[in-house]
PDB file of all heavy atoms in Angstrom:
ATOM      1  N   ASP A   1       7.494   1.897 -10.799  1.00  0.00           N
ATOM      2  CA  ASP A   1       6.511   1.576  -9.746  1.00  0.00           C
ATOM      3  C   ASP A   1       6.526   0.089  -9.474  1.00  0.00           C
ATOM      4  O   ASP A   1       6.410  -0.300  -8.266  1.00  0.00           O
ATOM      5  CB  ASP A   1       5.086   1.949 -10.318  1.00  0.00           C
ATOM      6  CG  ASP A   1       3.960   1.762  -9.240  1.00  0.00           C
ATOM      7  OD1 ASP A   1       4.112   2.307  -8.162  1.00  0.00           O
ATOM      8  OD2 ASP A   1       3.057   1.034  -9.562  1.00  0.00           O
ATOM      9  N   SER A   2       6.707  -0.749 -10.465  1.00  0.00           N
ATOM     10  CA  SER A   2       6.720  -2.211 -10.224  1.00  0.00           C
ATOM     11  C   SER A   2       7.998  -2.650  -9.451  1.00  0.00           C
ATOM     12  O   SER A   2       7.898  -3.453  -8.479  1.00  0.00           O
ATOM     13  CB  SER A   2       6.814  -2.920 -11.630  1.00  0.00           C
ATOM     14  OG  SER A   2       6.863  -4.296 -11.400  1.00  0.00           O
ATOM     15  N   ILE A   3       9.121  -1.953  -9.675  1.00  0.00           N
ATOM     16  CA  ILE A   3      10.318  -2.258  -8.863  1.00  0.00           C
ATOM     17  C   ILE A   3      10.118  -1.885  -7.414  1.00  0.00           C
ATOM     18  O   ILE A   3      10.469  -2.621  -6.512  1.00  0.00           O
ATOM     19  CB  ILE A   3      11.546  -1.466  -9.501  1.00  0.00           C
ATOM     20  CG1 ILE A   3      11.914  -2.081 -10.833  1.00  0.00           C
ATOM     21  CG2 ILE A   3      12.710  -1.518  -8.514  1.00  0.00           C
ATOM     22  CD1 ILE A   3      12.901  -1.148 -11.625  1.00  0.00           C
ATOM     23  N   LEU A   4       9.582  -0.665  -7.193  1.00  0.00           N
ATOM     24  CA  LEU A   4       9.380  -0.206  -5.854  1.00  0.00           C
ATOM     25  C   LEU A   4       8.357  -1.062  -5.144  1.00  0.00           C
ATOM     26  O   LEU A   4       8.437  -1.318  -3.929  1.00  0.00           O
ATOM     27  CB  LEU A   4       8.973   1.291  -5.822  1.00  0.00           C
ATOM     28  CG  LEU A   4      10.036   2.256  -6.278  1.00  0.00           C
ATOM     29  CD1 LEU A   4       9.460   3.679  -6.371  1.00  0.00           C
ATOM     30  CD2 LEU A   4      11.299   2.189  -5.446  1.00  0.00           C
ATOM     31  N   GLY A   5       7.311  -1.548  -5.907  1.00  0.00           N
ATOM     32  CA  GLY A   5       6.344  -2.403  -5.329  1.00  0.00           C
ATOM     33  C   GLY A   5       6.923  -3.735  -4.905  1.00  0.00           C
ATOM     34  O   GLY A   5       6.584  -4.342  -3.823  1.00  0.00           O
ATOM     35  N   THR A   6       7.882  -4.242  -5.660  1.00  0.00           N
ATOM     36  CA  THR A   6       8.515  -5.499  -5.401  1.00  0.00           C
ATOM     37  C   THR A   6       9.385  -5.343  -4.138  1.00  0.00           C
ATOM     38  O   THR A   6       9.456  -6.265  -3.275  1.00  0.00           O
ATOM     39  CB  THR A   6       9.404  -5.925  -6.561  1.00  0.00           C
ATOM     40  OG1 THR A   6       8.550  -6.148  -7.707  1.00  0.00           O
ATOM     41  CG2 THR A   6      10.091  -7.291  -6.260  1.00  0.00           C
ATOM     42  N   VAL A   7      10.047  -4.229  -3.985  1.00  0.00           N
ATOM     43  CA  VAL A   7      10.872  -3.968  -2.801  1.00  0.00           C
ATOM     44  C   VAL A   7      10.058  -3.935  -1.590  1.00  0.00           C
ATOM     45  O   VAL A   7      10.316  -4.570  -0.524  1.00  0.00           O
ATOM     46  CB  VAL A   7      11.670  -2.631  -2.956  1.00  0.00           C
ATOM     47  CG1 VAL A   7      12.328  -2.281  -1.643  1.00  0.00           C
ATOM     48  CG2 VAL A   7      12.737  -2.762  -4.060  1.00  0.00           C
ATOM     49  N   THR A   8       8.890  -3.281  -1.682  1.00  0.00           N
ATOM     50  CA  THR A   8       7.930  -3.238  -0.536  1.00  0.00           C
ATOM     51  C   THR A   8       7.420  -4.622  -0.192  1.00  0.00           C
ATOM     52  O   THR A   8       7.334  -5.020   0.991  1.00  0.00           O
ATOM     53  CB  THR A   8       6.743  -2.329  -0.870  1.00  0.00           C
ATOM     54  OG1 THR A   8       7.205  -0.987  -1.089  1.00  0.00           O
ATOM     55  CG2 THR A   8       5.778  -2.291   0.349  1.00  0.00           C
ATOM     56  N   ALA A   9       7.101  -5.403  -1.235  1.00  0.00           N
ATOM     57  CA  ALA A   9       6.627  -6.794  -1.067  1.00  0.00           C
ATOM     58  C   ALA A   9       7.604  -7.647  -0.306  1.00  0.00           C
ATOM     59  O   ALA A   9       7.288  -8.445   0.582  1.00  0.00           O
ATOM     60  CB  ALA A   9       6.166  -7.368  -2.305  1.00  0.00           C
ATOM     61  N   MET A  10       8.877  -7.502  -0.736  1.00  0.00           N
ATOM     62  CA  MET A  10       9.976  -8.265  -0.045  1.00  0.00           C
ATOM     63  C   MET A  10      10.143  -7.931   1.440  1.00  0.00           C
ATOM     64  O   MET A  10      10.256  -8.796   2.238  1.00  0.00           O
ATOM     65  CB  MET A  10      11.299  -8.009  -0.825  1.00  0.00           C
ATOM     66  CG  MET A  10      11.354  -8.598  -2.169  1.00  0.00           C
ATOM     67  SD  MET A  10      12.811  -8.018  -3.136  1.00  0.00           S
ATOM     68  CE  MET A  10      14.130  -8.820  -2.181  1.00  0.00           C
ATOM     69  N   LYS A  11       9.955  -6.619   1.688  1.00  0.00           N
ATOM     70  CA  LYS A  11      10.077  -6.143   3.125  1.00  0.00           C
ATOM     71  C   LYS A  11       8.869  -6.673   3.958  1.00  0.00           C
ATOM     72  O   LYS A  11       9.004  -6.926   5.138  1.00  0.00           O
ATOM     73  CB  LYS A  11      10.093  -4.623   3.156  1.00  0.00           C
ATOM     74  CG  LYS A  11      11.357  -4.009   2.653  1.00  0.00           C
ATOM     75  CD  LYS A  11      11.383  -2.551   2.734  1.00  0.00           C
ATOM     76  CE  LYS A  11      12.638  -1.907   2.248  1.00  0.00           C
ATOM     77  NZ  LYS A  11      12.619  -0.385   2.281  1.00  0.00           N
ATOM     78  N   ASN A  12       7.736  -6.868   3.248  1.00  0.00           N
ATOM     79  CA  ASN A  12       6.518  -7.339   3.990  1.00  0.00           C
ATOM     80  C   ASN A  12       6.273  -8.860   3.960  1.00  0.00           C
ATOM     81  O   ASN A  12       5.308  -9.369   4.433  1.00  0.00           O
ATOM     82  CB  ASN A  12       5.266  -6.672   3.399  1.00  0.00           C
ATOM     83  CG  ASN A  12       5.174  -5.194   3.828  1.00  0.00           C
ATOM     84  OD1 ASN A  12       5.512  -4.848   4.913  1.00  0.00           O
ATOM     85  ND2 ASN A  12       4.750  -4.366   2.903  1.00  0.00           N
ATOM     86  N   TYR A  13       7.265  -9.568   3.359  1.00  0.00           N
ATOM     87  CA  TYR A  13       7.116 -11.050   3.170  1.00  0.00           C
ATOM     88  C   TYR A  13       6.822 -11.690   4.560  1.00  0.00           C
ATOM     89  O   TYR A  13       7.630 -11.547   5.502  1.00  0.00           O
ATOM     90  CB  TYR A  13       8.251 -11.604   2.533  1.00  0.00           C
ATOM     91  CG  TYR A  13       8.132 -13.124   2.299  1.00  0.00           C
ATOM     92  CD1 TYR A  13       7.387 -13.639   1.240  1.00  0.00           C
ATOM     93  CD2 TYR A  13       8.787 -14.056   3.169  1.00  0.00           C
ATOM     94  CE1 TYR A  13       7.164 -15.052   1.170  1.00  0.00           C
ATOM     95  CE2 TYR A  13       8.648 -15.391   3.000  1.00  0.00           C
ATOM     96  CZ  TYR A  13       7.869 -15.859   1.978  1.00  0.00           C
ATOM     97  OH  TYR A  13       7.709 -17.274   1.846  1.00  0.00           O
ATOM     98  N   GLY A  14       5.784 -12.432   4.658  1.00  0.00           N
ATOM     99  CA  GLY A  14       5.506 -13.206   5.798  1.00  0.00           C
ATOM    100  C   GLY A  14       4.919 -12.415   7.001  1.00  0.00           C
ATOM    101  O   GLY A  14       4.676 -13.028   8.055  1.00  0.00           O
ATOM    102  N   LYS A  15       4.703 -11.165   6.787  1.00  0.00           N
ATOM    103  CA  LYS A  15       4.217 -10.308   7.952  1.00  0.00           C
ATOM    104  C   LYS A  15       2.708 -10.320   8.000  1.00  0.00           C
ATOM    105  O   LYS A  15       2.051 -10.462   6.993  1.00  0.00           O
ATOM    106  CB  LYS A  15       4.644  -8.850   7.762  1.00  0.00           C
ATOM    107  CG  LYS A  15       6.199  -8.646   7.906  1.00  0.00           C
ATOM    108  CD  LYS A  15       6.477  -7.099   7.765  1.00  0.00           C
ATOM    109  CE  LYS A  15       7.959  -6.889   7.958  1.00  0.00           C
ATOM    110  NZ  LYS A  15       8.272  -5.477   7.802  1.00  0.00           N
ATOM    111  N   ALA A  16       2.214 -10.323   9.234  1.00  0.00           N
ATOM    112  CA  ALA A  16       0.779 -10.197   9.434  1.00  0.00           C
ATOM    113  C   ALA A  16       0.333  -8.718   9.034  1.00  0.00           C
ATOM    114  O   ALA A  16       1.209  -7.834   8.928  1.00  0.00           O
ATOM    115  CB  ALA A  16       0.422 -10.439  10.911  1.00  0.00           C
ATOM    116  N   ALA A  17      -0.950  -8.565   8.881  1.00  0.00           N
ATOM    117  CA  ALA A  17      -1.468  -7.251   8.469  1.00  0.00           C
ATOM    118  C   ALA A  17      -1.026  -6.116   9.362  1.00  0.00           C
ATOM    119  O   ALA A  17      -0.657  -5.011   8.878  1.00  0.00           O
ATOM    120  CB  ALA A  17      -3.015  -7.280   8.401  1.00  0.00           C
ATOM    121  N   ASP A  18      -1.036  -6.347  10.694  1.00  0.00           N
ATOM    122  CA  ASP A  18      -0.659  -5.235  11.605  1.00  0.00           C
ATOM    123  C   ASP A  18       0.864  -4.906  11.589  1.00  0.00           C
ATOM    124  O   ASP A  18       1.238  -3.989  12.196  1.00  0.00           O
ATOM    125  CB  ASP A  18      -1.097  -5.541  13.027  1.00  0.00           C
ATOM    126  CG  ASP A  18      -0.553  -6.814  13.579  1.00  0.00           C
ATOM    127  OD1 ASP A  18       0.253  -7.500  12.890  1.00  0.00           O
ATOM    128  OD2 ASP A  18      -0.915  -7.151  14.718  1.00  0.00           O
ATOM    129  N   ALA A  19       1.644  -5.698  10.846  1.00  0.00           N
ATOM    130  CA  ALA A  19       3.099  -5.486  10.780  1.00  0.00           C
ATOM    131  C   ALA A  19       3.497  -4.992   9.389  1.00  0.00           C
ATOM    132  O   ALA A  19       4.675  -4.737   9.166  1.00  0.00           O
ATOM    133  CB  ALA A  19       3.878  -6.745  11.119  1.00  0.00           C
ATOM    134  N   LEU A  20       2.596  -4.796   8.490  1.00  0.00           N
ATOM    135  CA  LEU A  20       2.867  -4.362   7.170  1.00  0.00           C
ATOM    136  C   LEU A  20       3.421  -2.915   7.155  1.00  0.00           C
ATOM    137  O   LEU A  20       2.982  -2.082   7.955  1.00  0.00           O
ATOM    138  CB  LEU A  20       1.650  -4.410   6.279  1.00  0.00           C
ATOM    139  CG  LEU A  20       1.057  -5.814   5.989  1.00  0.00           C
ATOM    140  CD1 LEU A  20      -0.222  -5.719   5.121  1.00  0.00           C
ATOM    141  CD2 LEU A  20       2.031  -6.709   5.254  1.00  0.00           C
ATOM    142  N   THR A  21       4.332  -2.642   6.283  1.00  0.00           N
ATOM    143  CA  THR A  21       4.898  -1.320   6.095  1.00  0.00           C
ATOM    144  C   THR A  21       4.883  -0.934   4.648  1.00  0.00           C
ATOM    145  O   THR A  21       4.731  -1.758   3.774  1.00  0.00           O
ATOM    146  CB  THR A  21       6.357  -1.272   6.639  1.00  0.00           C
ATOM    147  OG1 THR A  21       7.121  -2.151   5.852  1.00  0.00           O
ATOM    148  CG2 THR A  21       6.378  -1.548   8.087  1.00  0.00           C
ATOM    149  N   GLY A  22       5.107   0.361   4.365  1.00  0.00           N
ATOM    150  CA  GLY A  22       5.108   0.832   2.980  1.00  0.00           C
ATOM    151  C   GLY A  22       4.061   1.897   2.732  1.00  0.00           C
ATOM    152  O   GLY A  22       3.472   2.444   3.672  1.00  0.00           O
ATOM    153  N   GLU A  23       3.879   2.210   1.501  1.00  0.00           N
ATOM    154  CA  GLU A  23       2.960   3.279   1.093  1.00  0.00           C
ATOM    155  C   GLU A  23       2.004   2.791   0.042  1.00  0.00           C
ATOM    156  O   GLU A  23       2.359   1.988  -0.819  1.00  0.00           O
ATOM    157  CB  GLU A  23       3.767   4.458   0.517  1.00  0.00           C
ATOM    158  CG  GLU A  23       2.773   5.621   0.065  1.00  0.00           C
ATOM    159  CD  GLU A  23       3.600   6.733  -0.616  1.00  0.00           C
ATOM    160  OE1 GLU A  23       4.607   6.462  -1.147  1.00  0.00           O
ATOM    161  OE2 GLU A  23       3.094   7.926  -0.535  1.00  0.00           O
ATOM    162  N   LEU A  24       0.751   3.105   0.238  1.00  0.00           N
ATOM    163  CA  LEU A  24      -0.276   2.775  -0.792  1.00  0.00           C
ATOM    164  C   LEU A  24      -0.914   4.086  -1.260  1.00  0.00           C
ATOM    165  O   LEU A  24      -1.411   4.851  -0.505  1.00  0.00           O
ATOM    166  CB  LEU A  24      -1.385   1.895  -0.152  1.00  0.00           C
ATOM    167  CG  LEU A  24      -2.383   1.309  -1.052  1.00  0.00           C
ATOM    168  CD1 LEU A  24      -1.738   0.334  -2.036  1.00  0.00           C
ATOM    169  CD2 LEU A  24      -3.461   0.482  -0.258  1.00  0.00           C
ATOM    170  N   ARG A  25      -0.832   4.244  -2.656  1.00  0.00           N
ATOM    171  CA  ARG A  25      -1.303   5.498  -3.136  1.00  0.00           C
ATOM    172  C   ARG A  25      -2.635   5.278  -3.946  1.00  0.00           C
ATOM    173  O   ARG A  25      -2.714   4.393  -4.806  1.00  0.00           O
ATOM    174  CB  ARG A  25      -0.281   6.009  -4.192  1.00  0.00           C
ATOM    175  CG  ARG A  25       1.120   6.255  -3.550  1.00  0.00           C
ATOM    176  CD  ARG A  25       2.185   6.325  -4.571  1.00  0.00           C
ATOM    177  NE  ARG A  25       2.231   5.070  -5.370  1.00  0.00           N
ATOM    178  CZ  ARG A  25       2.649   5.016  -6.646  1.00  0.00           C
ATOM    179  NH1 ARG A  25       3.016   6.079  -7.260  1.00  0.00           N
ATOM    180  NH2 ARG A  25       2.696   3.877  -7.270  1.00  0.00           N
ATOM    181  N   ILE A  26      -3.636   6.005  -3.526  1.00  0.00           N
ATOM    182  CA  ILE A  26      -5.020   5.757  -3.998  1.00  0.00           C
ATOM    183  C   ILE A  26      -5.596   7.123  -4.528  1.00  0.00           C
ATOM    184  O   ILE A  26      -5.521   8.182  -3.900  1.00  0.00           O
ATOM    185  CB  ILE A  26      -5.908   5.212  -2.907  1.00  0.00           C
ATOM    186  CG1 ILE A  26      -5.247   4.016  -2.273  1.00  0.00           C
ATOM    187  CG2 ILE A  26      -7.309   4.912  -3.441  1.00  0.00           C
ATOM    188  CD1 ILE A  26      -5.959   3.619  -0.995  1.00  0.00           C
ATOM    189  N   ALA A  27      -6.160   7.063  -5.750  1.00  0.00           N
ATOM    190  CA  ALA A  27      -6.866   8.301  -6.273  1.00  0.00           C
ATOM    191  C   ALA A  27      -8.370   8.012  -6.169  1.00  0.00           C
ATOM    192  O   ALA A  27      -8.896   7.002  -6.565  1.00  0.00           O
ATOM    193  CB  ALA A  27      -6.470   8.440  -7.771  1.00  0.00           C
ATOM    194  N   ILE A  28      -9.086   9.018  -5.627  1.00  0.00           N
ATOM    195  CA  ILE A  28     -10.514   8.926  -5.316  1.00  0.00           C
ATOM    196  C   ILE A  28     -11.173  10.307  -5.607  1.00  0.00           C
ATOM    197  O   ILE A  28     -10.577  11.316  -5.276  1.00  0.00           O
ATOM    198  CB  ILE A  28     -10.742   8.594  -3.854  1.00  0.00           C
ATOM    199  CG1 ILE A  28      -9.781   7.537  -3.322  1.00  0.00           C
ATOM    200  CG2 ILE A  28     -12.167   8.099  -3.632  1.00  0.00           C
ATOM    201  CD1 ILE A  28      -9.874   7.224  -1.826  1.00  0.00           C
ATOM    202  N   PRO A  29     -12.367  10.256  -6.174  1.00  0.00           N
ATOM    203  CA  PRO A  29     -13.108  11.529  -6.318  1.00  0.00           C
ATOM    204  C   PRO A  29     -13.650  12.042  -4.964  1.00  0.00           C
ATOM    205  O   PRO A  29     -13.813  11.253  -4.035  1.00  0.00           O
ATOM    206  CB  PRO A  29     -14.267  11.195  -7.280  1.00  0.00           C
ATOM    207  CG  PRO A  29     -14.498   9.770  -7.080  1.00  0.00           C
ATOM    208  CD  PRO A  29     -13.137   9.168  -6.779  1.00  0.00           C
ATOM    209  N   ASP A  30     -13.937  13.379  -4.920  1.00  0.00           N
ATOM    210  CA  ASP A  30     -14.355  13.988  -3.708  1.00  0.00           C
ATOM    211  C   ASP A  30     -15.485  13.298  -3.068  1.00  0.00           C
ATOM    212  O   ASP A  30     -15.502  13.105  -1.832  1.00  0.00           O
ATOM    213  CB  ASP A  30     -14.658  15.514  -4.064  1.00  0.00           C
ATOM    214  CG  ASP A  30     -15.063  16.303  -2.782  1.00  0.00           C
ATOM    215  OD1 ASP A  30     -14.864  15.766  -1.711  1.00  0.00           O
ATOM    216  OD2 ASP A  30     -15.516  17.458  -2.946  1.00  0.00           O
ATOM    217  N   THR A  31     -16.553  13.042  -3.838  1.00  0.00           N
ATOM    218  CA  THR A  31     -17.796  12.502  -3.164  1.00  0.00           C
ATOM    219  C   THR A  31     -17.582  11.076  -2.521  1.00  0.00           C
ATOM    220  O   THR A  31     -18.042  10.875  -1.371  1.00  0.00           O
ATOM    221  CB  THR A  31     -18.887  12.331  -4.207  1.00  0.00           C
ATOM    222  OG1 THR A  31     -18.420  11.651  -5.359  1.00  0.00           O
ATOM    223  CG2 THR A  31     -19.454  13.703  -4.626  1.00  0.00           C
ATOM    224  N   LEU A  32     -16.800  10.194  -3.149  1.00  0.00           N
ATOM    225  CA  LEU A  32     -16.578   8.964  -2.517  1.00  0.00           C
ATOM    226  C   LEU A  32     -15.586   9.055  -1.385  1.00  0.00           C
ATOM    227  O   LEU A  32     -15.856   8.417  -0.275  1.00  0.00           O
ATOM    228  CB  LEU A  32     -15.898   7.946  -3.598  1.00  0.00           C
ATOM    229  CG  LEU A  32     -16.918   7.383  -4.595  1.00  0.00           C
ATOM    230  CD1 LEU A  32     -16.152   6.559  -5.660  1.00  0.00           C
ATOM    231  CD2 LEU A  32     -17.974   6.497  -3.897  1.00  0.00           C
ATOM    232  N   LEU A  33     -14.613   9.877  -1.557  1.00  0.00           N
ATOM    233  CA  LEU A  33     -13.649  10.088  -0.419  1.00  0.00           C
ATOM    234  C   LEU A  33     -14.336  10.664   0.817  1.00  0.00           C
ATOM    235  O   LEU A  33     -14.082  10.206   1.959  1.00  0.00           O
ATOM    236  CB  LEU A  33     -12.480  11.007  -0.887  1.00  0.00           C
ATOM    237  CG  LEU A  33     -11.420  11.358   0.213  1.00  0.00           C
ATOM    238  CD1 LEU A  33     -10.784  10.062   0.826  1.00  0.00           C
ATOM    239  CD2 LEU A  33     -10.363  12.239  -0.400  1.00  0.00           C
ATOM    240  N   THR A  34     -15.127  11.671   0.620  1.00  0.00           N
ATOM    241  CA  THR A  34     -15.749  12.345   1.739  1.00  0.00           C
ATOM    242  C   THR A  34     -16.891  11.566   2.398  1.00  0.00           C
ATOM    243  O   THR A  34     -17.001  11.530   3.588  1.00  0.00           O
ATOM    244  CB  THR A  34     -16.257  13.759   1.284  1.00  0.00           C
ATOM    245  OG1 THR A  34     -15.150  14.445   0.693  1.00  0.00           O
ATOM    246  CG2 THR A  34     -16.797  14.530   2.468  1.00  0.00           C
ATOM    247  N   TYR A  35     -17.711  10.929   1.552  1.00  0.00           N
ATOM    248  CA  TYR A  35     -18.996  10.377   2.110  1.00  0.00           C
ATOM    249  C   TYR A  35     -19.068   8.872   2.123  1.00  0.00           C
ATOM    250  O   TYR A  35     -20.070   8.350   2.636  1.00  0.00           O
ATOM    251  CB  TYR A  35     -20.154  10.957   1.264  1.00  0.00           C
ATOM    252  CG  TYR A  35     -20.247  12.465   1.262  1.00  0.00           C
ATOM    253  CD1 TYR A  35     -19.726  13.224   0.212  1.00  0.00           C
ATOM    254  CD2 TYR A  35     -20.678  13.132   2.385  1.00  0.00           C
ATOM    255  CE1 TYR A  35     -19.783  14.541   0.199  1.00  0.00           C
ATOM    256  CE2 TYR A  35     -20.713  14.524   2.377  1.00  0.00           C
ATOM    257  CZ  TYR A  35     -20.260  15.255   1.335  1.00  0.00           C
ATOM    258  OH  TYR A  35     -20.290  16.623   1.392  1.00  0.00           O
TER     259      TYR A  35
END
């Protein structure tokens, strides 16, 4: 995960927020996700 994160960070170096690429994986319980 750390290696893949570093690769993503290198691809996003110097980019503004609207130009960022990659995947962000988030775990959330039903109530928070829905409401």
